[in-house]
Amino acid sequence: MAYSGGPIRLQQLLFEAPSNLIDQSLSSRSAETPTNGDGFGIGWYDKFETPGLFHSIRPAWNDFNLRDLAAHIESHLFMAHVRATSLATIQETNCHPFRYKNWLFVHNGEIFEIEKFRRDLMVAVDPVYFNNILGSTDSELMFHLALSFGLENDVQGAVARMVHFVEETGKKYGVNESVWMTLGISDGEKLYGFRYASDNKAPTLFVSPGVEEVYKLNPGKERAFGESARALVSEPIGKYPELWNAVPESSTLLIEKGKVTITPFKPAST
């Protein structure tokens, strides 16, 4: 999940909201990964130049350090991720979010049968970014490929080029449908979301309604989220899941100062 808006304590969404991400880590609606107990991570922006990170290989529902940190960290933009590993080992460096300078990246999904063509993907990472790779996940590799294709200057174009490169490389090794993803990406000001799959069966992604709708349903509640709050989640959280808007297949989403823009996404050649 990712949040952008007025500064709030992380616990307000991670622990206090009904059907929150921590609850979902134990009982997700996903048929593929109903339990996500292979570690977690949070990344948050504050007054410093680079975002903070906390990773753990413990299950998110059973980590008292996370509870204490979430009760004390206040942020206007943060990301959280609970992990169910596919092939990569359970270790802190494989937990999301991944960070480069002021950038954070989270991924839900996989590069299918990456073991057949991982080397080709690794070689394509620009040497400028290569030493920033600390783990062994396909997700972290996707992030650094996107950086290599120009993420710092053109987020949407870089992700489109990254996906095209992964798909075309996979086809050379007989993997005709290789990408399955939802992404959350931020530079600390803008929040980007992507939903795409080679087989048009991408993981789910939802964006919250305008904050005024939330306040209407909770009269008398303190307007803690500010006027431009938005959240991006794999599964709806809160008391009113029906209000969340599903992000369409093959879409890019941009959240900037509370405004949500959704445009079509498709891979693009370099």
C-alpha atoms as a PDB file:
ATOM      1  CA  MET A   1       0.000   0.000   0.000  1.00  0.00           C
ATOM      2  CA  ALA A   2       1.007   3.640  -0.401  1.00  0.00           C
ATOM      3  CA  TYR A   3      -0.336   6.859   1.102  1.00  0.00           C
ATOM      4  CA  SER A   4      -0.008  10.499   0.055  1.00  0.00           C
ATOM      5  CA  GLY A   5      -1.638  13.417   1.879  1.00  0.00           C
ATOM      6  CA  GLY A   6      -1.510  15.242   5.168  1.00  0.00           C
ATOM      7  CA  PRO A   7       1.109  13.924   7.619  1.00  0.00           C
ATOM      8  CA  ILE A   8      -0.253  11.022   9.663  1.00  0.00           C
ATOM      9  CA  ARG A   9       1.205   8.353  11.907  1.00  0.00           C
ATOM     10  CA  LEU A  10       1.757   5.141   9.974  1.00  0.00           C
ATOM     11  CA  GLN A  11      -0.306   3.157  12.459  1.00  0.00           C
ATOM     12  CA  GLN A  12      -3.482   4.957  11.359  1.00  0.00           C
ATOM     13  CA  LEU A  13      -3.524   2.958   8.131  1.00  0.00           C
ATOM     14  CA  LEU A  14      -1.275   0.009   8.947  1.00  0.00           C
ATOM     15  CA  PHE A  15      -2.968  -1.048  12.196  1.00  0.00           C
ATOM     16  CA  GLU A  16      -6.026   1.036  13.076  1.00  0.00           C
ATOM     17  CA  ALA A  17      -8.038   0.910   9.846  1.00  0.00           C
ATOM     18  CA  PRO A  18     -10.328  -2.116   9.486  1.00  0.00           C
ATOM     19  CA  SER A  19      -9.004  -4.783   7.085  1.00  0.00           C
ATOM     20  CA  ASN A  20      -5.622  -3.057   7.135  1.00  0.00           C
ATOM     21  CA  LEU A  21      -2.481  -4.277   5.407  1.00  0.00           C
ATOM     22  CA  ILE A  22      -1.229  -6.093   8.499  1.00  0.00           C
ATOM     23  CA  ASP A  23      -4.510  -7.999   8.754  1.00  0.00           C
ATOM     24  CA  GLN A  24      -4.294  -8.758   5.048  1.00  0.00           C
ATOM     25  CA  SER A  25      -0.798 -10.186   5.490  1.00  0.00           C
ATOM     26  CA  LEU A  26      -2.426 -12.992   7.468  1.00  0.00           C
ATOM     27  CA  SER A  27      -5.618 -13.374   5.451  1.00  0.00           C
ATOM     28  CA  SER A  28      -5.412 -11.805   2.012  1.00  0.00           C
ATOM     29  CA  ARG A  29      -8.231 -12.286  -0.506  1.00  0.00           C
ATOM     30  CA  SER A  30      -5.637 -13.325  -3.087  1.00  0.00           C
ATOM     31  CA  ALA A  31      -6.007 -16.939  -4.153  1.00  0.00           C
ATOM     32  CA  GLU A  32      -2.317 -17.094  -5.070  1.00  0.00           C
ATOM     33  CA  THR A  33      -0.915 -15.699  -1.790  1.00  0.00           C
ATOM     34  CA  PRO A  34      -3.527 -15.714   0.999  1.00  0.00           C
ATOM     35  CA  THR A  35      -0.750 -15.499   3.611  1.00  0.00           C
ATOM     36  CA  ASN A  36       2.135 -13.044   3.293  1.00  0.00           C
ATOM     37  CA  GLY A  37       4.461 -13.940   6.148  1.00  0.00           C
ATOM     38  CA  ASP A  38       7.899 -13.848   4.523  1.00  0.00           C
ATOM     39  CA  GLY A  39       8.892 -10.425   5.779  1.00  0.00           C
ATOM     40  CA  PHE A  40       7.720  -6.858   5.338  1.00  0.00           C
ATOM     41  CA  GLY A  41       9.004  -3.352   4.875  1.00  0.00           C
ATOM     42  CA  ILE A  42       8.016   0.277   5.262  1.00  0.00           C
ATOM     43  CA  GLY A  43       9.494   3.311   3.550  1.00  0.00           C
ATOM     44  CA  TRP A  44       8.598   6.867   4.499  1.00  0.00           C
ATOM     45  CA  TYR A  45       9.418  10.444   3.553  1.00  0.00           C
ATOM     46  CA  ASP A  46      10.020  13.155   6.130  1.00  0.00           C
ATOM     47  CA  LYS A  47      12.186  16.280   6.374  1.00  0.00           C
ATOM     48  CA  PHE A  48      15.333  14.496   5.202  1.00  0.00           C
ATOM     49  CA  GLU A  49      16.556  14.180   1.619  1.00  0.00           C
ATOM     50  CA  THR A  50      16.255  10.402   1.377  1.00  0.00           C
ATOM     51  CA  PRO A  51      13.347   8.292   2.666  1.00  0.00           C
ATOM     52  CA  GLY A  52      13.664   6.079   5.725  1.00  0.00           C
ATOM     53  CA  LEU A  53      13.447   2.303   5.475  1.00  0.00           C
ATOM     54  CA  PHE A  54      12.668  -0.511   7.884  1.00  0.00           C
ATOM     55  CA  HIS A  55      12.783  -4.155   6.775  1.00  0.00           C
ATOM     56  CA  SER A  56      12.242  -7.350   8.728  1.00  0.00           C
ATOM     57  CA  ILE A  57      11.927 -11.040   7.866  1.00  0.00           C
ATOM     58  CA  ARG A  58       9.418 -11.552  10.668  1.00  0.00           C
ATOM     59  CA  PRO A  59       5.702 -11.813   9.814  1.00  0.00           C
ATOM     60  CA  ALA A  60       4.241  -8.304   9.899  1.00  0.00           C
ATOM     61  CA  TRP A  61       1.473  -9.333  12.305  1.00  0.00           C
ATOM     62  CA  ASN A  62       3.997 -10.529  14.884  1.00  0.00           C
ATOM     63  CA  ASP A  63       6.587  -7.748  14.996  1.00  0.00           C
ATOM     64  CA  PHE A  64       6.419  -5.394  17.973  1.00  0.00           C
ATOM     65  CA  ASN A  65       9.151  -3.191  16.513  1.00  0.00           C
ATOM     66  CA  LEU A  66       6.858  -2.408  13.586  1.00  0.00           C
ATOM     67  CA  ARG A  67       3.999  -1.546  15.932  1.00  0.00           C
ATOM     68  CA  ASP A  68       6.182   0.822  17.924  1.00  0.00           C
ATOM     69  CA  LEU A  69       7.701   2.499  14.879  1.00  0.00           C
ATOM     70  CA  ALA A  70       4.294   2.909  13.218  1.00  0.00           C
ATOM     71  CA  ALA A  71       2.984   4.602  16.379  1.00  0.00           C
ATOM     72  CA  HIS A  72       5.776   7.192  16.308  1.00  0.00           C
ATOM     73  CA  ILE A  73       6.649   7.794  12.645  1.00  0.00           C
ATOM     74  CA  GLU A  74       4.634  10.567  11.002  1.00  0.00           C
ATOM     75  CA  SER A  75       4.800  11.008   7.244  1.00  0.00           C
ATOM     76  CA  HIS A  76       3.012  12.719   4.364  1.00  0.00           C
ATOM     77  CA  LEU A  77       3.962   9.927   1.957  1.00  0.00           C
ATOM     78  CA  PHE A  78       4.829   6.342   2.777  1.00  0.00           C
ATOM     79  CA  MET A  79       4.752   2.807   1.381  1.00  0.00           C
ATOM     80  CA  ALA A  80       4.352  -0.551   3.074  1.00  0.00           C
ATOM     81  CA  HIS A  81       4.698  -4.065   1.674  1.00  0.00           C
ATOM     82  CA  VAL A  82       4.132  -7.571   3.019  1.00  0.00           C
ATOM     83  CA  ARG A  83       5.925 -10.388   1.245  1.00  0.00           C
ATOM     84  CA  ALA A  84       5.132 -13.901   0.061  1.00  0.00           C
ATOM     85  CA  THR A  85       8.279 -15.153  -1.622  1.00  0.00           C
ATOM     86  CA  SER A  86       8.299 -17.124  -4.854  1.00  0.00           C
ATOM     87  CA  LEU A  87      11.921 -18.053  -5.598  1.00  0.00           C
ATOM     88  CA  ALA A  88      14.099 -15.487  -3.819  1.00  0.00           C
ATOM     89  CA  THR A  89      15.236 -16.318  -0.288  1.00  0.00           C
ATOM     90  CA  ILE A  90      13.816 -14.821   2.885  1.00  0.00           C
ATOM     91  CA  GLN A  91      16.252 -12.084   3.882  1.00  0.00           C
ATOM     92  CA  GLU A  92      15.997  -8.405   4.764  1.00  0.00           C
ATOM     93  CA  THR A  93      17.585  -7.228   1.513  1.00  0.00           C
ATOM     94  CA  ASN A  94      14.763  -8.958  -0.411  1.00  0.00           C
ATOM     95  CA  CYS A  95      12.034  -7.046   1.421  1.00  0.00           C
ATOM     96  CA  HIS A  96      10.313  -4.090  -0.227  1.00  0.00           C
ATOM     97  CA  PRO A  97      10.349  -1.102  -0.585  1.00  0.00           C
ATOM     98  CA  PHE A  98      13.580  -0.774  -2.526  1.00  0.00           C
ATOM     99  CA  ARG A  99      15.361   2.584  -2.444  1.00  0.00           C
ATOM    100  CA  TYR A 100      17.650   4.595  -4.684  1.00  0.00           C
ATOM    101  CA  LYS A 101      18.414   8.127  -3.504  1.00  0.00           C
ATOM    102  CA  ASN A 102      14.956   9.742  -3.103  1.00  0.00           C
ATOM    103  CA  TRP A 103      13.102   6.956  -4.944  1.00  0.00           C
ATOM    104  CA  LEU A 104      11.026   4.141  -3.439  1.00  0.00           C
ATOM    105  CA  PHE A 105       9.667   1.117  -5.345  1.00  0.00           C
ATOM    106  CA  VAL A 106       7.290  -1.706  -4.408  1.00  0.00           C
ATOM    107  CA  HIS A 107       6.082  -4.577  -6.588  1.00  0.00           C
ATOM    108  CA  ASN A 108       3.359  -7.186  -6.357  1.00  0.00           C
ATOM    109  CA  GLY A 109       3.645 -10.030  -8.857  1.00  0.00           C
ATOM    110  CA  GLU A 110       6.561 -11.742 -10.571  1.00  0.00           C
ATOM    111  CA  ILE A 111       8.707 -12.157 -13.645  1.00  0.00           C
ATOM    112  CA  PHE A 112       7.635 -15.637 -14.656  1.00  0.00           C
ATOM    113  CA  GLU A 113      10.446 -18.176 -15.078  1.00  0.00           C
ATOM    114  CA  ILE A 114      13.057 -15.466 -14.596  1.00  0.00           C
ATOM    115  CA  GLU A 115      15.620 -18.151 -13.805  1.00  0.00           C
ATOM    116  CA  LYS A 116      15.820 -18.831 -17.565  1.00  0.00           C
ATOM    117  CA  PHE A 117      16.942 -15.310 -18.460  1.00  0.00           C
ATOM    118  CA  ARG A 118      18.008 -13.512 -15.265  1.00  0.00           C
ATOM    119  CA  ARG A 119      21.572 -13.122 -16.508  1.00  0.00           C
ATOM    120  CA  ASP A 120      20.457 -11.202 -19.610  1.00  0.00           C
ATOM    121  CA  LEU A 121      18.399  -8.860 -17.438  1.00  0.00           C
ATOM    122  CA  MET A 122      21.233  -8.301 -14.971  1.00  0.00           C
ATOM    123  CA  VAL A 123      23.680  -7.390 -17.732  1.00  0.00           C
ATOM    124  CA  ALA A 124      21.288  -4.672 -18.924  1.00  0.00           C
ATOM    125  CA  VAL A 125      21.441  -2.776 -15.599  1.00  0.00           C
ATOM    126  CA  ASP A 126      23.508   0.387 -15.970  1.00  0.00           C
ATOM    127  CA  PRO A 127      26.758   0.235 -13.937  1.00  0.00           C
ATOM    128  CA  VAL A 128      25.701   3.485 -12.242  1.00  0.00           C
ATOM    129  CA  TYR A 129      22.892   1.598 -10.488  1.00  0.00           C
ATOM    130  CA  PHE A 130      24.291  -1.923 -10.302  1.00  0.00           C
ATOM    131  CA  ASN A 131      25.945  -1.669  -6.878  1.00  0.00           C
ATOM    132  CA  ASN A 132      22.641  -0.501  -5.405  1.00  0.00           C
ATOM    133  CA  ILE A 133      21.233  -4.023  -5.910  1.00  0.00           C
ATOM    134  CA  LEU A 134      21.499  -5.685  -2.503  1.00  0.00           C
ATOM    135  CA  GLY A 135      19.147  -8.666  -2.808  1.00  0.00           C
ATOM    136  CA  SER A 136      18.115 -11.359  -5.276  1.00  0.00           C
ATOM    137  CA  THR A 137      14.467 -10.638  -6.139  1.00  0.00           C
ATOM    138  CA  ASP A 138      12.959 -10.095  -9.556  1.00  0.00           C
ATOM    139  CA  SER A 139      11.285  -7.013  -8.060  1.00  0.00           C
ATOM    140  CA  GLU A 140      14.544  -5.260  -7.193  1.00  0.00           C
ATOM    141  CA  LEU A 141      15.884  -6.129 -10.632  1.00  0.00           C
ATOM    142  CA  MET A 142      12.813  -4.569 -12.266  1.00  0.00           C
ATOM    143  CA  PHE A 143      13.435  -1.369 -10.277  1.00  0.00           C
ATOM    144  CA  HIS A 144      17.055  -1.121 -11.391  1.00  0.00           C
ATOM    145  CA  LEU A 145      16.166  -1.876 -14.998  1.00  0.00           C
ATOM    146  CA  ALA A 146      13.622   0.947 -14.863  1.00  0.00           C
ATOM    147  CA  LEU A 147      16.306   3.229 -13.414  1.00  0.00           C
ATOM    148  CA  SER A 148      18.595   2.185 -16.268  1.00  0.00           C
ATOM    149  CA  PHE A 149      15.869   3.057 -18.773  1.00  0.00           C
ATOM    150  CA  GLY A 150      15.470   6.590 -17.388  1.00  0.00           C
ATOM    151  CA  LEU A 151      13.172   6.383 -14.349  1.00  0.00           C
ATOM    152  CA  GLU A 152      14.653   9.473 -12.703  1.00  0.00           C
ATOM    153  CA  ASN A 153      13.558  11.655 -15.628  1.00  0.00           C
ATOM    154  CA  ASP A 154      10.540   9.829 -17.075  1.00  0.00           C
ATOM    155  CA  VAL A 155       8.786   7.359 -14.779  1.00  0.00           C
ATOM    156  CA  GLN A 156       6.057   6.219 -17.143  1.00  0.00           C
ATOM    157  CA  GLY A 157       8.349   5.916 -20.150  1.00  0.00           C
ATOM    158  CA  ALA A 158      11.025   4.062 -18.190  1.00  0.00           C
ATOM    159  CA  VAL A 159       8.575   1.487 -16.832  1.00  0.00           C
ATOM    160  CA  ALA A 160       7.138   0.969 -20.325  1.00  0.00           C
ATOM    161  CA  ARG A 161      10.638   0.390 -21.690  1.00  0.00           C
ATOM    162  CA  MET A 162      11.537  -1.913 -18.800  1.00  0.00           C
ATOM    163  CA  VAL A 163       8.466  -4.101 -19.324  1.00  0.00           C
ATOM    164  CA  HIS A 164       9.065  -4.300 -23.063  1.00  0.00           C
ATOM    165  CA  PHE A 165      12.679  -5.344 -22.483  1.00  0.00           C
ATOM    166  CA  VAL A 166      11.723  -8.040 -19.964  1.00  0.00           C
ATOM    167  CA  GLU A 167       9.001  -9.444 -22.215  1.00  0.00           C
ATOM    168  CA  GLU A 168      11.186  -9.492 -25.327  1.00  0.00           C
ATOM    169  CA  THR A 169      14.078 -11.066 -23.428  1.00  0.00           C
ATOM    170  CA  GLY A 170      11.768 -13.729 -22.004  1.00  0.00           C
ATOM    171  CA  LYS A 171      10.484 -14.616 -25.464  1.00  0.00           C
ATOM    172  CA  LYS A 172      14.030 -15.399 -26.583  1.00  0.00           C
ATOM    173  CA  TYR A 173      14.030 -18.153 -23.950  1.00  0.00           C
ATOM    174  CA  GLY A 174      10.560 -19.486 -24.708  1.00  0.00           C
ATOM    175  CA  VAL A 175       8.732 -17.516 -21.993  1.00  0.00           C
ATOM    176  CA  ASN A 176       5.985 -15.809 -23.971  1.00  0.00           C
ATOM    177  CA  GLU A 177       4.158 -14.206 -21.025  1.00  0.00           C
ATOM    178  CA  SER A 178       6.651 -13.108 -18.395  1.00  0.00           C
ATOM    179  CA  VAL A 179       5.438  -9.956 -16.597  1.00  0.00           C
ATOM    180  CA  TRP A 180       2.819  -9.880 -13.854  1.00  0.00           C
ATOM    181  CA  MET A 181       2.825  -6.695 -11.806  1.00  0.00           C
ATOM    182  CA  THR A 182       1.372  -3.873  -9.879  1.00  0.00           C
ATOM    183  CA  LEU A 183       3.911  -1.216  -8.937  1.00  0.00           C
ATOM    184  CA  GLY A 184       4.113   1.688  -6.530  1.00  0.00           C
ATOM    185  CA  ILE A 185       6.834   4.266  -7.209  1.00  0.00           C
ATOM    186  CA  SER A 186       7.556   7.639  -5.634  1.00  0.00           C
ATOM    187  CA  ASP A 187      10.138  10.411  -5.591  1.00  0.00           C
ATOM    188  CA  GLY A 188       8.722  11.878  -2.379  1.00  0.00           C
ATOM    189  CA  GLU A 189       6.340  14.259  -4.144  1.00  0.00           C
ATOM    190  CA  LYS A 190       4.472  12.257  -6.752  1.00  0.00           C
ATOM    191  CA  LEU A 191       3.067   8.753  -6.328  1.00  0.00           C
ATOM    192  CA  TYR A 192       2.832   6.464  -9.353  1.00  0.00           C
ATOM    193  CA  GLY A 193       0.927   3.208  -9.692  1.00  0.00           C
ATOM    194  CA  PHE A 194       1.052   0.663 -12.516  1.00  0.00           C
ATOM    195  CA  ARG A 195      -1.127  -2.349 -13.234  1.00  0.00           C
ATOM    196  CA  TYR A 196      -0.130  -4.664 -16.066  1.00  0.00           C
ATOM    197  CA  ALA A 197       0.317  -8.324 -16.972  1.00  0.00           C
ATOM    198  CA  SER A 198       1.472 -10.023 -20.161  1.00  0.00           C
ATOM    199  CA  ASP A 199      -1.630 -12.231 -20.011  1.00  0.00           C
ATOM    200  CA  ASN A 200      -4.009  -9.389 -19.033  1.00  0.00           C
ATOM    201  CA  LYS A 201      -4.540 -10.933 -15.596  1.00  0.00           C
ATOM    202  CA  ALA A 202      -2.676  -8.486 -13.390  1.00  0.00           C
ATOM    203  CA  PRO A 203      -2.904  -8.414  -9.580  1.00  0.00           C
ATOM    204  CA  THR A 204      -5.587  -6.127  -8.234  1.00  0.00           C
ATOM    205  CA  LEU A 205      -4.977  -2.450  -7.476  1.00  0.00           C
ATOM    206  CA  PHE A 206      -7.330   0.102  -5.918  1.00  0.00           C
ATOM    207  CA  VAL A 207      -7.208   3.842  -5.324  1.00  0.00           C
ATOM    208  CA  SER A 208      -9.127   5.546  -2.532  1.00  0.00           C
ATOM    209  CA  PRO A 209     -12.017   7.935  -3.194  1.00  0.00           C
ATOM    210  CA  GLY A 210     -11.638  11.658  -2.663  1.00  0.00           C
ATOM    211  CA  VAL A 211     -11.076  12.492   0.986  1.00  0.00           C
ATOM    212  CA  GLU A 212     -14.347  14.414   1.182  1.00  0.00           C
ATOM    213  CA  GLU A 213     -16.233  11.162   0.633  1.00  0.00           C
ATOM    214  CA  VAL A 214     -14.408   9.663   3.603  1.00  0.00           C
ATOM    215  CA  TYR A 215     -15.263  12.603   5.843  1.00  0.00           C
ATOM    216  CA  LYS A 216     -18.926  12.494   4.797  1.00  0.00           C
ATOM    217  CA  LEU A 217     -19.122   8.906   5.991  1.00  0.00           C
ATOM    218  CA  ASN A 218     -17.361   9.756   9.244  1.00  0.00           C
ATOM    219  CA  PRO A 219     -19.031  12.994  10.450  1.00  0.00           C
ATOM    220  CA  GLY A 220     -17.388  14.578  13.440  1.00  0.00           C
ATOM    221  CA  LYS A 221     -14.085  12.816  12.886  1.00  0.00           C
ATOM    222  CA  GLU A 222     -10.923  14.895  12.965  1.00  0.00           C
ATOM    223  CA  ARG A 223      -9.794  15.779   9.444  1.00  0.00           C
ATOM    224  CA  ALA A 224      -6.406  14.211  10.087  1.00  0.00           C
ATOM    225  CA  PHE A 225      -5.680  13.247   6.491  1.00  0.00           C
ATOM    226  CA  GLY A 226      -5.795  16.770   5.078  1.00  0.00           C
ATOM    227  CA  GLU A 227      -7.592  17.795   1.911  1.00  0.00           C
ATOM    228  CA  SER A 228      -5.481  15.915  -0.633  1.00  0.00           C
ATOM    229  CA  ALA A 229      -5.159  12.456   0.891  1.00  0.00           C
ATOM    230  CA  ARG A 230      -5.134   9.404  -1.348  1.00  0.00           C
ATOM    231  CA  ALA A 231      -4.111   5.797  -0.849  1.00  0.00           C
ATOM    232  CA  LEU A 232      -3.155   3.057  -3.288  1.00  0.00           C
ATOM    233  CA  VAL A 233      -3.673  -0.545  -2.173  1.00  0.00           C
ATOM    234  CA  SER A 234      -3.728  -4.114  -3.440  1.00  0.00           C
ATOM    235  CA  GLU A 235      -6.957  -4.719  -1.505  1.00  0.00           C
ATOM    236  CA  PRO A 236      -9.380  -2.145  -0.040  1.00  0.00           C
ATOM    237  CA  ILE A 237      -8.945  -1.197   3.602  1.00  0.00           C
ATOM    238  CA  GLY A 238     -11.249   0.653   5.982  1.00  0.00           C
ATOM    239  CA  LYS A 239     -14.934   0.398   6.838  1.00  0.00           C
ATOM    240  CA  TYR A 240     -16.196   1.091   3.315  1.00  0.00           C
ATOM    241  CA  PRO A 241     -14.358  -1.165   0.832  1.00  0.00           C
ATOM    242  CA  GLU A 242     -17.051  -0.588  -1.785  1.00  0.00           C
ATOM    243  CA  LEU A 243     -15.927   3.044  -2.171  1.00  0.00           C
ATOM    244  CA  TRP A 244     -12.480   2.131  -3.457  1.00  0.00           C
ATOM    245  CA  ASN A 245     -11.978   2.457  -7.212  1.00  0.00           C
ATOM    246  CA  ALA A 246     -10.391  -0.437  -9.082  1.00  0.00           C
ATOM    247  CA  VAL A 247      -7.514   0.597 -11.322  1.00  0.00           C
ATOM    248  CA  PRO A 248      -8.144  -0.904 -14.792  1.00  0.00           C
ATOM    249  CA  GLU A 249      -5.876  -3.479 -16.396  1.00  0.00           C
ATOM    250  CA  SER A 250      -2.958  -1.993 -18.347  1.00  0.00           C
ATOM    251  CA  SER A 251      -3.073   1.393 -16.633  1.00  0.00           C
ATOM    252  CA  THR A 252      -0.754   3.996 -15.189  1.00  0.00           C
ATOM    253  CA  LEU A 253      -1.918   6.052 -12.237  1.00  0.00           C
ATOM    254  CA  LEU A 254      -0.446   9.333 -10.994  1.00  0.00           C
ATOM    255  CA  ILE A 255      -1.327  10.931  -7.654  1.00  0.00           C
ATOM    256  CA  GLU A 256      -0.158  14.516  -7.303  1.00  0.00           C
ATOM    257  CA  LYS A 257      -1.498  16.910  -4.661  1.00  0.00           C
ATOM    258  CA  GLY A 258      -4.596  14.767  -4.274  1.00  0.00           C
ATOM    259  CA  LYS A 259      -5.425  14.676  -7.963  1.00  0.00           C
ATOM    260  CA  VAL A 260      -5.621  11.233  -9.562  1.00  0.00           C
ATOM    261  CA  THR A 261      -4.864  10.761 -13.256  1.00  0.00           C
ATOM    262  CA  ILE A 262      -5.247   7.346 -14.907  1.00  0.00           C
ATOM    263  CA  THR A 263      -3.931   6.706 -18.415  1.00  0.00           C
ATOM    264  CA  PRO A 264      -3.444   3.553 -20.547  1.00  0.00           C
ATOM    265  CA  PHE A 265      -0.201   1.647 -20.137  1.00  0.00           C
ATOM    266  CA  LYS A 266       1.550  -0.471 -22.718  1.00  0.00           C
ATOM    267  CA  PRO A 267       5.130  -1.625 -23.124  1.00  0.00           C
ATOM    268  CA  ALA A 268       7.302   0.507 -25.420  1.00  0.00           C
ATOM    269  CA  SER A 269      10.518  -0.301 -27.245  1.00  0.00           C
ATOM    270  CA  THR A 270      13.704   1.481 -26.259  1.00  0.00           C
END
